[in-house]
Structures are given as C-alpha cells and as structure tokens.
Amino acid sequence: MTYALLSLVFLAVAVVVLAVALILAPDRARLVRRWWAPTLLAALVVLVLTAVFDNLMIVAGFMTYADAHITGAKLVLVPLEDFSYPLAALVLLPALWLLTRRRGTRA
C-alpha cells in the first residue's frame, strides 16, 4: 500500500464524518459562516509547522520513506502525502466536536 492511498483513506473518513456532522447540525449555515476563517488560519499554521518540522526530522534521520511507497512529489524533503494527516485532523476534529456537543449550547 502506498502512502498516497493510505492518505486518501484518512481524508475520506474525515470528510465523511464531517458531512454527517454537518447534516445533523441544526445550525449548519451559521457554523460554516463562522468557522471558515479560523479553519483556514489553523490549516495554514499546521501545514507550515508540518513542513518545517517534518523536514527537520527527515534531516535528523528520525523518519525515512521508501521510494516505492511515495508519489515522488516533495516539498524539500517531505513527501506531499505527509501533509494529508494534518489536513485530515483539521477536518475530523471539528466534525467530532459537532457530533459530541450538547445540542442546547451555542457553537
């Protein structure tokens, strides 16, 4: 199994959970209006941190990637597939919050 395929599985699960959470949310339109800017800011911060620290960990020898399992597209030393895990977390965590919050509270 390649890292790209594994990444797609993580992203697909996160998107499905988010879709279910939004379908079940009674205040969906307000949530989307309110969350898009903080989510984009969080995505930017997490992706920059991923790029910096993954490159440092690869240089230090903490992580290696088999060439047969990556697409070959890289940002410096980090395979692009490595960025899918933080993206999946950025999608999944708000979705889980939506699914587990008490219905009578404000978002």
PDB file of N, CA and C in Angstrom:
ATOM      1  N   MET A   1       0.846  -1.176   0.000  1.00  0.00           N
ATOM      2  CA  MET A   1       0.000   0.000   0.000  1.00  0.00           C
ATOM      3  C   MET A   1       0.891   1.238   0.000  1.00  0.00           C
ATOM      4  N   THR A   2       0.538   2.203  -0.819  1.00  0.00           N
ATOM      5  CA  THR A   2       1.321   3.438  -0.894  1.00  0.00           C
ATOM      6  C   THR A   2       0.829   4.444   0.143  1.00  0.00           C
ATOM      7  N   TYR A   3       1.703   5.403   0.464  1.00  0.00           N
ATOM      8  CA  TYR A   3       1.316   6.451   1.397  1.00  0.00           C
ATOM      9  C   TYR A   3       0.170   7.288   0.834  1.00  0.00           C
ATOM     10  N   ALA A   4       0.141   7.484  -0.475  1.00  0.00           N
ATOM     11  CA  ALA A   4      -0.929   8.273  -1.086  1.00  0.00           C
ATOM     12  C   ALA A   4      -2.287   7.591  -0.896  1.00  0.00           C
ATOM     13  N   LEU A   5      -2.339   6.298  -1.076  1.00  0.00           N
ATOM     14  CA  LEU A   5      -3.594   5.564  -0.884  1.00  0.00           C
ATOM     15  C   LEU A   5      -4.022   5.599   0.582  1.00  0.00           C
ATOM     16  N   LEU A   6      -3.082   5.406   1.475  1.00  0.00           N
ATOM     17  CA  LEU A   6      -3.374   5.479   2.897  1.00  0.00           C
ATOM     18  C   LEU A   6      -3.869   6.878   3.273  1.00  0.00           C
ATOM     19  N   SER A   7      -3.271   7.891   2.697  1.00  0.00           N
ATOM     20  CA  SER A   7      -3.682   9.271   2.945  1.00  0.00           C
ATOM     21  C   SER A   7      -5.099   9.517   2.466  1.00  0.00           C
ATOM     22  N   LEU A   8      -5.434   8.987   1.300  1.00  0.00           N
ATOM     23  CA  LEU A   8      -6.793   9.142   0.780  1.00  0.00           C
ATOM     24  C   LEU A   8      -7.819   8.494   1.687  1.00  0.00           C
ATOM     25  N   VAL A   9      -7.468   7.373   2.283  1.00  0.00           N
ATOM     26  CA  VAL A   9      -8.386   6.703   3.209  1.00  0.00           C
ATOM     27  C   VAL A   9      -8.638   7.596   4.422  1.00  0.00           C
ATOM     28  N   PHE A  10      -7.560   8.155   5.012  1.00  0.00           N
ATOM     29  CA  PHE A  10      -7.718   9.041   6.167  1.00  0.00           C
ATOM     30  C   PHE A  10      -8.566  10.258   5.806  1.00  0.00           C
ATOM     31  N   LEU A  11      -8.282  10.874   4.672  1.00  0.00           N
ATOM     32  CA  LEU A  11      -9.034  12.058   4.259  1.00  0.00           C
ATOM     33  C   LEU A  11     -10.490  11.721   3.970  1.00  0.00           C
ATOM     34  N   ALA A  12     -10.738  10.585   3.344  1.00  0.00           N
ATOM     35  CA  ALA A  12     -12.115  10.184   3.029  1.00  0.00           C
ATOM     36  C   ALA A  12     -12.920   9.958   4.304  1.00  0.00           C
ATOM     37  N   VAL A  13     -12.335   9.299   5.279  1.00  0.00           N
ATOM     38  CA  VAL A  13     -13.026   9.077   6.553  1.00  0.00           C
ATOM     39  C   VAL A  13     -13.344  10.414   7.214  1.00  0.00           C
ATOM     40  N   ALA A  14     -12.377  11.321   7.231  1.00  0.00           N
ATOM     41  CA  ALA A  14     -12.588  12.632   7.849  1.00  0.00           C
ATOM     42  C   ALA A  14     -13.697  13.405   7.145  1.00  0.00           C
ATOM     43  N   VAL A  15     -13.713  13.374   5.827  1.00  0.00           N
ATOM     44  CA  VAL A  15     -14.742  14.095   5.064  1.00  0.00           C
ATOM     45  C   VAL A  15     -16.120  13.488   5.296  1.00  0.00           C
ATOM     46  N   VAL A  16     -16.212  12.178   5.364  1.00  0.00           N
ATOM     47  CA  VAL A  16     -17.499  11.529   5.620  1.00  0.00           C
ATOM     48  C   VAL A  16     -18.015  11.897   7.011  1.00  0.00           C
ATOM     49  N   VAL A  17     -17.140  11.870   8.012  1.00  0.00           N
ATOM     50  CA  VAL A  17     -17.561  12.232   9.371  1.00  0.00           C
ATOM     51  C   VAL A  17     -18.014  13.692   9.403  1.00  0.00           C
ATOM     52  N   LEU A  18     -17.290  14.586   8.714  1.00  0.00           N
ATOM     53  CA  LEU A  18     -17.692  15.990   8.659  1.00  0.00           C
ATOM     54  C   LEU A  18     -19.045  16.143   7.963  1.00  0.00           C
ATOM     55  N   ALA A  19     -19.250  15.424   6.877  1.00  0.00           N
ATOM     56  CA  ALA A  19     -20.527  15.507   6.165  1.00  0.00           C
ATOM     57  C   ALA A  19     -21.676  15.069   7.061  1.00  0.00           C
ATOM     58  N   VAL A  20     -21.495  13.987   7.785  1.00  0.00           N
ATOM     59  CA  VAL A  20     -22.531  13.509   8.704  1.00  0.00           C
ATOM     60  C   VAL A  20     -22.778  14.547   9.794  1.00  0.00           C
ATOM     61  N   ALA A  21     -21.697  15.116  10.340  1.00  0.00           N
ATOM     62  CA  ALA A  21     -21.845  16.118  11.404  1.00  0.00           C
ATOM     63  C   ALA A  21     -22.594  17.343  10.909  1.00  0.00           C
ATOM     64  N   LEU A  22     -22.296  17.779   9.699  1.00  0.00           N
ATOM     65  CA  LEU A  22     -22.986  18.949   9.160  1.00  0.00           C
ATOM     66  C   LEU A  22     -24.442  18.656   8.823  1.00  0.00           C
ATOM     67  N   ILE A  23     -24.710  17.461   8.353  1.00  0.00           N
ATOM     68  CA  ILE A  23     -26.097  17.081   8.060  1.00  0.00           C
ATOM     69  C   ILE A  23     -26.920  17.070   9.345  1.00  0.00           C
ATOM     70  N   LEU A  24     -26.330  16.604  10.439  1.00  0.00           N
ATOM     71  CA  LEU A  24     -27.049  16.509  11.709  1.00  0.00           C
ATOM     72  C   LEU A  24     -27.103  17.832  12.466  1.00  0.00           C
ATOM     73  N   ALA A  25     -26.264  18.798  12.082  1.00  0.00           N
ATOM     74  CA  ALA A  25     -26.220  20.080  12.800  1.00  0.00           C
ATOM     75  C   ALA A  25     -27.407  20.948  12.400  1.00  0.00           C
ATOM     76  N   PRO A  26     -28.203  21.373  13.358  1.00  0.00           N
ATOM     77  CA  PRO A  26     -29.356  22.209  13.022  1.00  0.00           C
ATOM     78  C   PRO A  26     -28.951  23.623  12.599  1.00  0.00           C
ATOM     79  N   ASP A  27     -27.791  24.077  13.020  1.00  0.00           N
ATOM     80  CA  ASP A  27     -27.325  25.432  12.724  1.00  0.00           C
ATOM     81  C   ASP A  27     -26.167  25.421  11.726  1.00  0.00           C
ATOM     82  N   ARG A  28     -26.270  24.574  10.732  1.00  0.00           N
ATOM     83  CA  ARG A  28     -25.208  24.334   9.755  1.00  0.00           C
ATOM     84  C   ARG A  28     -24.736  25.609   9.067  1.00  0.00           C
ATOM     85  N   ALA A  29     -25.623  26.444   8.578  1.00  0.00           N
ATOM     86  CA  ALA A  29     -25.230  27.645   7.827  1.00  0.00           C
ATOM     87  C   ALA A  29     -24.434  28.609   8.700  1.00  0.00           C
ATOM     88  N   ARG A  30     -24.868  28.786   9.942  1.00  0.00           N
ATOM     89  CA  ARG A  30     -24.150  29.681  10.848  1.00  0.00           C
ATOM     90  C   ARG A  30     -22.769  29.126  11.179  1.00  0.00           C
ATOM     91  N   LEU A  31     -22.673  27.824  11.360  1.00  0.00           N
ATOM     92  CA  LEU A  31     -21.380  27.206  11.662  1.00  0.00           C
ATOM     93  C   LEU A  31     -20.395  27.392  10.521  1.00  0.00           C
ATOM     94  N   VAL A  32     -20.853  27.165   9.305  1.00  0.00           N
ATOM     95  CA  VAL A  32     -19.971  27.294   8.147  1.00  0.00           C
ATOM     96  C   VAL A  32     -19.493  28.731   8.001  1.00  0.00           C
ATOM     97  N   ARG A  33     -20.396  29.702   8.176  1.00  0.00           N
ATOM     98  CA  ARG A  33     -20.005  31.116   8.096  1.00  0.00           C
ATOM     99  C   ARG A  33     -18.993  31.476   9.170  1.00  0.00           C
ATOM    100  N   ARG A  34     -19.198  30.921  10.344  1.00  0.00           N
ATOM    101  CA  ARG A  34     -18.361  31.273  11.484  1.00  0.00           C
ATOM    102  C   ARG A  34     -17.015  30.566  11.504  1.00  0.00           C
ATOM    103  N   TRP A  35     -16.920  29.376  10.929  1.00  0.00           N
ATOM    104  CA  TRP A  35     -15.718  28.556  11.056  1.00  0.00           C
ATOM    105  C   TRP A  35     -14.747  28.650   9.896  1.00  0.00           C
ATOM    106  N   TRP A  36     -15.123  29.182   8.750  1.00  0.00           N
ATOM    107  CA  TRP A  36     -14.227  29.088   7.595  1.00  0.00           C
ATOM    108  C   TRP A  36     -12.917  29.839   7.819  1.00  0.00           C
ATOM    109  N   ALA A  37     -12.944  31.035   8.381  1.00  0.00           N
ATOM    110  CA  ALA A  37     -11.703  31.804   8.588  1.00  0.00           C
ATOM    111  C   ALA A  37     -10.791  31.156   9.629  1.00  0.00           C
ATOM    112  N   PRO A  38     -11.288  30.780  10.812  1.00  0.00           N
ATOM    113  CA  PRO A  38     -10.399  30.111  11.768  1.00  0.00           C
ATOM    114  C   PRO A  38      -9.848  28.784  11.248  1.00  0.00           C
ATOM    115  N   THR A  39     -10.656  28.073  10.475  1.00  0.00           N
ATOM    116  CA  THR A  39     -10.187  26.803   9.925  1.00  0.00           C
ATOM    117  C   THR A  39      -9.070  27.021   8.912  1.00  0.00           C
ATOM    118  N   LEU A  40      -9.220  28.024   8.056  1.00  0.00           N
ATOM    119  CA  LEU A  40      -8.146  28.321   7.100  1.00  0.00           C
ATOM    120  C   LEU A  40      -6.877  28.775   7.804  1.00  0.00           C
ATOM    121  N   LEU A  41      -7.005  29.570   8.844  1.00  0.00           N
ATOM    122  CA  LEU A  41      -5.838  30.009   9.604  1.00  0.00           C
ATOM    123  C   LEU A  41      -5.157  28.823  10.283  1.00  0.00           C
ATOM    124  N   ALA A  42      -5.941  27.953  10.887  1.00  0.00           N
ATOM    125  CA  ALA A  42      -5.383  26.755  11.521  1.00  0.00           C
ATOM    126  C   ALA A  42      -4.701  25.869  10.489  1.00  0.00           C
ATOM    127  N   ALA A  43      -5.302  25.729   9.306  1.00  0.00           N
ATOM    128  CA  ALA A  43      -4.695  24.925   8.245  1.00  0.00           C
ATOM    129  C   ALA A  43      -3.349  25.492   7.829  1.00  0.00           C
ATOM    130  N   LEU A  44      -3.285  26.786   7.673  1.00  0.00           N
ATOM    131  CA  LEU A  44      -2.019  27.427   7.303  1.00  0.00           C
ATOM    132  C   LEU A  44      -0.944  27.181   8.353  1.00  0.00           C
ATOM    133  N   VAL A  45      -1.292  27.384   9.612  1.00  0.00           N
ATOM    134  CA  VAL A  45      -0.318  27.193  10.692  1.00  0.00           C
ATOM    135  C   VAL A  45       0.138  25.738  10.768  1.00  0.00           C
ATOM    136  N   VAL A  46      -0.808  24.811  10.732  1.00  0.00           N
ATOM    137  CA  VAL A  46      -0.462  23.393  10.857  1.00  0.00           C
ATOM    138  C   VAL A  46       0.366  22.921   9.664  1.00  0.00           C
ATOM    139  N   LEU A  47       0.039  23.373   8.467  1.00  0.00           N
ATOM    140  CA  LEU A  47       0.802  22.946   7.291  1.00  0.00           C
ATOM    141  C   LEU A  47       2.216  23.528   7.299  1.00  0.00           C
ATOM    142  N   VAL A  48       2.369  24.765   7.737  1.00  0.00           N
ATOM    143  CA  VAL A  48       3.718  25.349   7.839  1.00  0.00           C
ATOM    144  C   VAL A  48       4.525  24.594   8.893  1.00  0.00           C
ATOM    145  N   LEU A  49       3.922  24.329  10.051  1.00  0.00           N
ATOM    146  CA  LEU A  49       4.628  23.577  11.085  1.00  0.00           C
ATOM    147  C   LEU A  49       4.984  22.170  10.612  1.00  0.00           C
ATOM    148  N   THR A  50       4.089  21.539   9.886  1.00  0.00           N
ATOM    149  CA  THR A  50       4.378  20.213   9.332  1.00  0.00           C
ATOM    150  C   THR A  50       5.558  20.277   8.376  1.00  0.00           C
ATOM    151  N   ALA A  51       5.567  21.258   7.504  1.00  0.00           N
ATOM    152  CA  ALA A  51       6.666  21.393   6.549  1.00  0.00           C
ATOM    153  C   ALA A  51       7.995  21.598   7.269  1.00  0.00           C
ATOM    154  N   VAL A  52       8.018  22.482   8.229  1.00  0.00           N
ATOM    155  CA  VAL A  52       9.271  22.783   8.934  1.00  0.00           C
ATOM    156  C   VAL A  52       9.758  21.581   9.732  1.00  0.00           C
ATOM    157  N   PHE A  53       8.907  21.052  10.596  1.00  0.00           N
ATOM    158  CA  PHE A  53       9.366  20.007  11.499  1.00  0.00           C
ATOM    159  C   PHE A  53       9.533  18.649  10.829  1.00  0.00           C
ATOM    160  N   ASP A  54       8.744  18.334   9.828  1.00  0.00           N
ATOM    161  CA  ASP A  54       8.970  17.084   9.102  1.00  0.00           C
ATOM    162  C   ASP A  54      10.306  17.129   8.366  1.00  0.00           C
ATOM    163  N   ASN A  55      10.633  18.272   7.763  1.00  0.00           N
ATOM    164  CA  ASN A  55      11.933  18.398   7.121  1.00  0.00           C
ATOM    165  C   ASN A  55      13.061  18.225   8.134  1.00  0.00           C
ATOM    166  N   LEU A  56      12.918  18.830   9.307  1.00  0.00           N
ATOM    167  CA  LEU A  56      13.943  18.684  10.343  1.00  0.00           C
ATOM    168  C   LEU A  56      14.078  17.235  10.801  1.00  0.00           C
ATOM    169  N   MET A  57      12.948  16.537  10.960  1.00  0.00           N
ATOM    170  CA  MET A  57      13.004  15.141  11.393  1.00  0.00           C
ATOM    171  C   MET A  57      13.622  14.242  10.327  1.00  0.00           C
ATOM    172  N   ILE A  58      13.369  14.548   9.058  1.00  0.00           N
ATOM    173  CA  ILE A  58      13.972  13.755   7.983  1.00  0.00           C
ATOM    174  C   ILE A  58      15.471  14.002   7.936  1.00  0.00           C
ATOM    175  N   VAL A  59      15.884  15.263   8.062  1.00  0.00           N
ATOM    176  CA  VAL A  59      17.314  15.586   8.067  1.00  0.00           C
ATOM    177  C   VAL A  59      18.008  14.911   9.246  1.00  0.00           C
ATOM    178  N   ALA A  60      17.349  14.882  10.406  1.00  0.00           N
ATOM    179  CA  ALA A  60      17.942  14.273  11.593  1.00  0.00           C
ATOM    180  C   ALA A  60      17.946  12.739  11.519  1.00  0.00           C
ATOM    181  N   GLY A  61      17.231  12.177  10.563  1.00  0.00           N
ATOM    182  CA  GLY A  61      17.211  10.731  10.397  1.00  0.00           C
ATOM    183  C   GLY A  61      16.139  10.026  11.214  1.00  0.00           C
ATOM    184  N   PHE A  62      15.212  10.779  11.803  1.00  0.00           N
ATOM    185  CA  PHE A  62      14.148  10.159  12.588  1.00  0.00           C
ATOM    186  C   PHE A  62      13.124   9.452  11.705  1.00  0.00           C
ATOM    187  N   MET A  63      12.955   9.934  10.477  1.00  0.00           N
ATOM    188  CA  MET A  63      11.964   9.364   9.565  1.00  0.00           C
ATOM    189  C   MET A  63      12.615   9.126   8.212  1.00  0.00           C
ATOM    190  N   THR A  64      12.209   8.066   7.562  1.00  0.00           N
ATOM    191  CA  THR A  64      12.612   7.805   6.179  1.00  0.00           C
ATOM    192  C   THR A  64      11.389   7.296   5.428  1.00  0.00           C
ATOM    193  N   TYR A  65      11.420   7.446   4.130  1.00  0.00           N
ATOM    194  CA  TYR A  65      10.320   7.000   3.289  1.00  0.00           C
ATOM    195  C   TYR A  65      10.879   6.124   2.174  1.00  0.00           C
ATOM    196  N   ALA A  66      10.283   4.965   1.978  1.00  0.00           N
ATOM    197  CA  ALA A  66      10.690   4.091   0.877  1.00  0.00           C
ATOM    198  C   ALA A  66      10.199   4.708  -0.428  1.00  0.00           C
ATOM    199  N   ASP A  67      11.085   4.860  -1.379  1.00  0.00           N
ATOM    200  CA  ASP A  67      10.720   5.486  -2.653  1.00  0.00           C
ATOM    201  C   ASP A  67       9.595   4.751  -3.379  1.00  0.00           C
ATOM    202  N   ALA A  68       9.487   3.460  -3.146  1.00  0.00           N
ATOM    203  CA  ALA A  68       8.442   2.679  -3.815  1.00  0.00           C
ATOM    204  C   ALA A  68       7.049   3.014  -3.288  1.00  0.00           C
ATOM    205  N   HIS A  69       6.975   3.630  -2.112  1.00  0.00           N
ATOM    206  CA  HIS A  69       5.678   3.885  -1.490  1.00  0.00           C
ATOM    207  C   HIS A  69       5.234   5.336  -1.548  1.00  0.00           C
ATOM    208  N   ILE A  70       6.027   6.216  -2.129  1.00  0.00           N
ATOM    209  CA  ILE A  70       5.638   7.622  -2.232  1.00  0.00           C
ATOM    210  C   ILE A  70       5.463   8.008  -3.694  1.00  0.00           C
ATOM    211  N   THR A  71       4.733   9.099  -3.920  1.00  0.00           N
ATOM    212  CA  THR A  71       4.487   9.539  -5.293  1.00  0.00           C
ATOM    213  C   THR A  71       5.719  10.171  -5.917  1.00  0.00           C
ATOM    214  N   GLY A  72       6.607  10.672  -5.087  1.00  0.00           N
ATOM    215  CA  GLY A  72       7.802  11.334  -5.591  1.00  0.00           C
ATOM    216  C   GLY A  72       7.713  12.844  -5.502  1.00  0.00           C
ATOM    217  N   ALA A  73       6.510  13.383  -5.382  1.00  0.00           N
ATOM    218  CA  ALA A  73       6.341  14.830  -5.223  1.00  0.00           C
ATOM    219  C   ALA A  73       6.706  15.197  -3.791  1.00  0.00           C
ATOM    220  N   LYS A  74       7.605  16.168  -3.655  1.00  0.00           N
ATOM    221  CA  LYS A  74       8.085  16.539  -2.330  1.00  0.00           C
ATOM    222  C   LYS A  74       8.129  18.050  -2.173  1.00  0.00           C
ATOM    223  N   LEU A  75       8.018  18.485  -0.928  1.00  0.00           N
ATOM    224  CA  LEU A  75       8.270  19.865  -0.551  1.00  0.00           C
ATOM    225  C   LEU A  75       9.569  19.803   0.239  1.00  0.00           C
ATOM    226  N   VAL A  76      10.646  20.170  -0.405  1.00  0.00           N
ATOM    227  CA  VAL A  76      12.015  19.983   0.069  1.00  0.00           C
ATOM    228  C   VAL A  76      12.230  18.485   0.258  1.00  0.00           C
ATOM    229  N   LEU A  77      12.191  17.958   1.480  1.00  0.00           N
ATOM    230  CA  LEU A  77      12.392  16.523   1.705  1.00  0.00           C
ATOM    231  C   LEU A  77      11.109  15.774   2.060  1.00  0.00           C
ATOM    232  N   VAL A  78      10.035  16.509   2.326  1.00  0.00           N
ATOM    233  CA  VAL A  78       8.793  15.905   2.808  1.00  0.00           C
ATOM    234  C   VAL A  78       7.897  15.493   1.638  1.00  0.00           C
ATOM    235  N   PRO A  79       7.519  14.220   1.576  1.00  0.00           N
ATOM    236  CA  PRO A  79       6.556  13.808   0.545  1.00  0.00           C
ATOM    237  C   PRO A  79       5.226  14.520   0.758  1.00  0.00           C
ATOM    238  N   LEU A  80       4.570  14.896  -0.321  1.00  0.00           N
ATOM    239  CA  LEU A  80       3.306  15.620  -0.203  1.00  0.00           C
ATOM    240  C   LEU A  80       2.239  14.823   0.544  1.00  0.00           C
ATOM    241  N   GLU A  81       2.347  13.511   0.493  1.00  0.00           N
ATOM    242  CA  GLU A  81       1.385  12.677   1.203  1.00  0.00           C
ATOM    243  C   GLU A  81       1.405  12.946   2.709  1.00  0.00           C
ATOM    244  N   ASP A  82       2.530  13.396   3.218  1.00  0.00           N
ATOM    245  CA  ASP A  82       2.684  13.644   4.644  1.00  0.00           C
ATOM    246  C   ASP A  82       1.787  14.784   5.130  1.00  0.00           C
ATOM    247  N   PHE A  83       1.353  15.648   4.228  1.00  0.00           N
ATOM    248  CA  PHE A  83       0.506  16.770   4.605  1.00  0.00           C
ATOM    249  C   PHE A  83      -0.967  16.372   4.745  1.00  0.00           C
ATOM    250  N   SER A  84      -1.311  15.174   4.326  1.00  0.00           N
ATOM    251  CA  SER A  84      -2.710  14.767   4.398  1.00  0.00           C
ATOM    252  C   SER A  84      -3.151  14.459   5.822  1.00  0.00           C
ATOM    253  N   TYR A  85      -2.238  14.023   6.669  1.00  0.00           N
ATOM    254  CA  TYR A  85      -2.624  13.686   8.042  1.00  0.00           C
ATOM    255  C   TYR A  85      -3.035  14.926   8.833  1.00  0.00           C
ATOM    256  N   PRO A  86      -2.282  16.025   8.781  1.00  0.00           N
ATOM    257  CA  PRO A  86      -2.772  17.220   9.468  1.00  0.00           C
ATOM    258  C   PRO A  86      -4.059  17.760   8.846  1.00  0.00           C
ATOM    259  N   LEU A  87      -4.207  17.634   7.533  1.00  0.00           N
ATOM    260  CA  LEU A  87      -5.453  18.079   6.901  1.00  0.00           C
ATOM    261  C   LEU A  87      -6.639  17.234   7.367  1.00  0.00           C
ATOM    262  N   ALA A  88      -6.419  15.943   7.482  1.00  0.00           N
ATOM    263  CA  ALA A  88      -7.487  15.068   7.974  1.00  0.00           C
ATOM    264  C   ALA A  88      -7.865  15.450   9.408  1.00  0.00           C
ATOM    265  N   ALA A  89      -6.879  15.778  10.228  1.00  0.00           N
ATOM    266  CA  ALA A  89      -7.170  16.198  11.601  1.00  0.00           C
ATOM    267  C   ALA A  89      -7.944  17.503  11.622  1.00  0.00           C
ATOM    268  N   LEU A  90      -7.599  18.429  10.724  1.00  0.00           N
ATOM    269  CA  LEU A  90      -8.309  19.708  10.659  1.00  0.00           C
ATOM    270  C   LEU A  90      -9.769  19.532  10.248  1.00  0.00           C
ATOM    271  N   VAL A  91     -10.060  18.500   9.511  1.00  0.00           N
ATOM    272  CA  VAL A  91     -11.438  18.213   9.109  1.00  0.00           C
ATOM    273  C   VAL A  91     -12.143  17.388  10.189  1.00  0.00           C
ATOM    274  N   LEU A  92     -11.435  16.404  10.730  1.00  0.00           N
ATOM    275  CA  LEU A  92     -12.057  15.448  11.645  1.00  0.00           C
ATOM    276  C   LEU A  92     -12.343  16.027  13.031  1.00  0.00           C
ATOM    277  N   LEU A  93     -11.441  16.811  13.583  1.00  0.00           N
ATOM    278  CA  LEU A  93     -11.645  17.297  14.944  1.00  0.00           C
ATOM    279  C   LEU A  93     -12.863  18.204  15.090  1.00  0.00           C
ATOM    280  N   PRO A  94     -13.072  19.193  14.212  1.00  0.00           N
ATOM    281  CA  PRO A  94     -14.322  19.967  14.331  1.00  0.00           C
ATOM    282  C   PRO A  94     -15.568  19.107  14.097  1.00  0.00           C
ATOM    283  N   ALA A  95     -15.452  18.124  13.222  1.00  0.00           N
ATOM    284  CA  ALA A  95     -16.593  17.240  12.971  1.00  0.00           C
ATOM    285  C   ALA A  95     -16.937  16.442  14.223  1.00  0.00           C
ATOM    286  N   LEU A  96     -15.931  15.921  14.893  1.00  0.00           N
ATOM    287  CA  LEU A  96     -16.180  15.182  16.129  1.00  0.00           C
ATOM    288  C   LEU A  96     -16.746  16.094  17.212  1.00  0.00           C
ATOM    289  N   TRP A  97     -16.268  17.332  17.254  1.00  0.00           N
ATOM    290  CA  TRP A  97     -16.812  18.292  18.212  1.00  0.00           C
ATOM    291  C   TRP A  97     -18.298  18.516  17.930  1.00  0.00           C
ATOM    292  N   LEU A  98     -18.645  18.680  16.666  1.00  0.00           N
ATOM    293  CA  LEU A  98     -20.051  18.870  16.304  1.00  0.00           C
ATOM    294  C   LEU A  98     -20.905  17.675  16.717  1.00  0.00           C
ATOM    295  N   LEU A  99     -20.378  16.500  16.512  1.00  0.00           N
ATOM    296  CA  LEU A  99     -21.144  15.296  16.811  1.00  0.00           C
ATOM    297  C   LEU A  99     -21.301  15.053  18.313  1.00  0.00           C
ATOM    298  N   THR A 100     -20.375  15.538  19.113  1.00  0.00           N
ATOM    299  CA  THR A 100     -20.409  15.235  20.543  1.00  0.00           C
ATOM    300  C   THR A 100     -20.883  16.393  21.411  1.00  0.00           C
ATOM    301  N   ARG A 101     -21.120  17.563  20.831  1.00  0.00           N
ATOM    302  CA  ARG A 101     -21.547  18.703  21.646  1.00  0.00           C
ATOM    303  C   ARG A 101     -22.988  18.520  22.096  1.00  0.00           C
ATOM    304  N   ARG A 102     -23.293  19.185  23.185  1.00  0.00           N
ATOM    305  CA  ARG A 102     -24.677  19.168  23.672  1.00  0.00           C
ATOM    306  C   ARG A 102     -25.505  20.046  22.760  1.00  0.00           C
ATOM    307  N   ARG A 103     -26.650  19.631  22.392  1.00  0.00           N
ATOM    308  CA  ARG A 103     -27.478  20.319  21.390  1.00  0.00           C
ATOM    309  C   ARG A 103     -28.013  21.668  21.853  1.00  0.00           C
ATOM    310  N   GLY A 104     -28.106  21.893  23.138  1.00  0.00           N
ATOM    311  CA  GLY A 104     -28.670  23.147  23.619  1.00  0.00           C
ATOM    312  C   GLY A 104     -27.650  24.276  23.723  1.00  0.00           C
ATOM    313  N   THR A 105     -26.370  24.002  23.452  1.00  0.00           N
ATOM    314  CA  THR A 105     -25.329  25.013  23.625  1.00  0.00           C
ATOM    315  C   THR A 105     -25.016  25.707  22.317  1.00  0.00           C
ATOM    316  N   ARG A 106     -24.412  26.853  22.443  1.00  0.00           N
ATOM    317  CA  ARG A 106     -24.015  27.620  21.248  1.00  0.00           C
ATOM    318  C   ARG A 106     -22.697  27.077  20.726  1.00  0.00           C
ATOM    319  N   ALA A 107     -22.464  27.227  19.420  1.00  0.00           N
ATOM    320  CA  ALA A 107     -21.237  26.749  18.789  1.00  0.00           C
ATOM    321  C   ALA A 107     -20.114  27.718  18.992  1.00  0.00           C
TER     322      ALA A 107
END
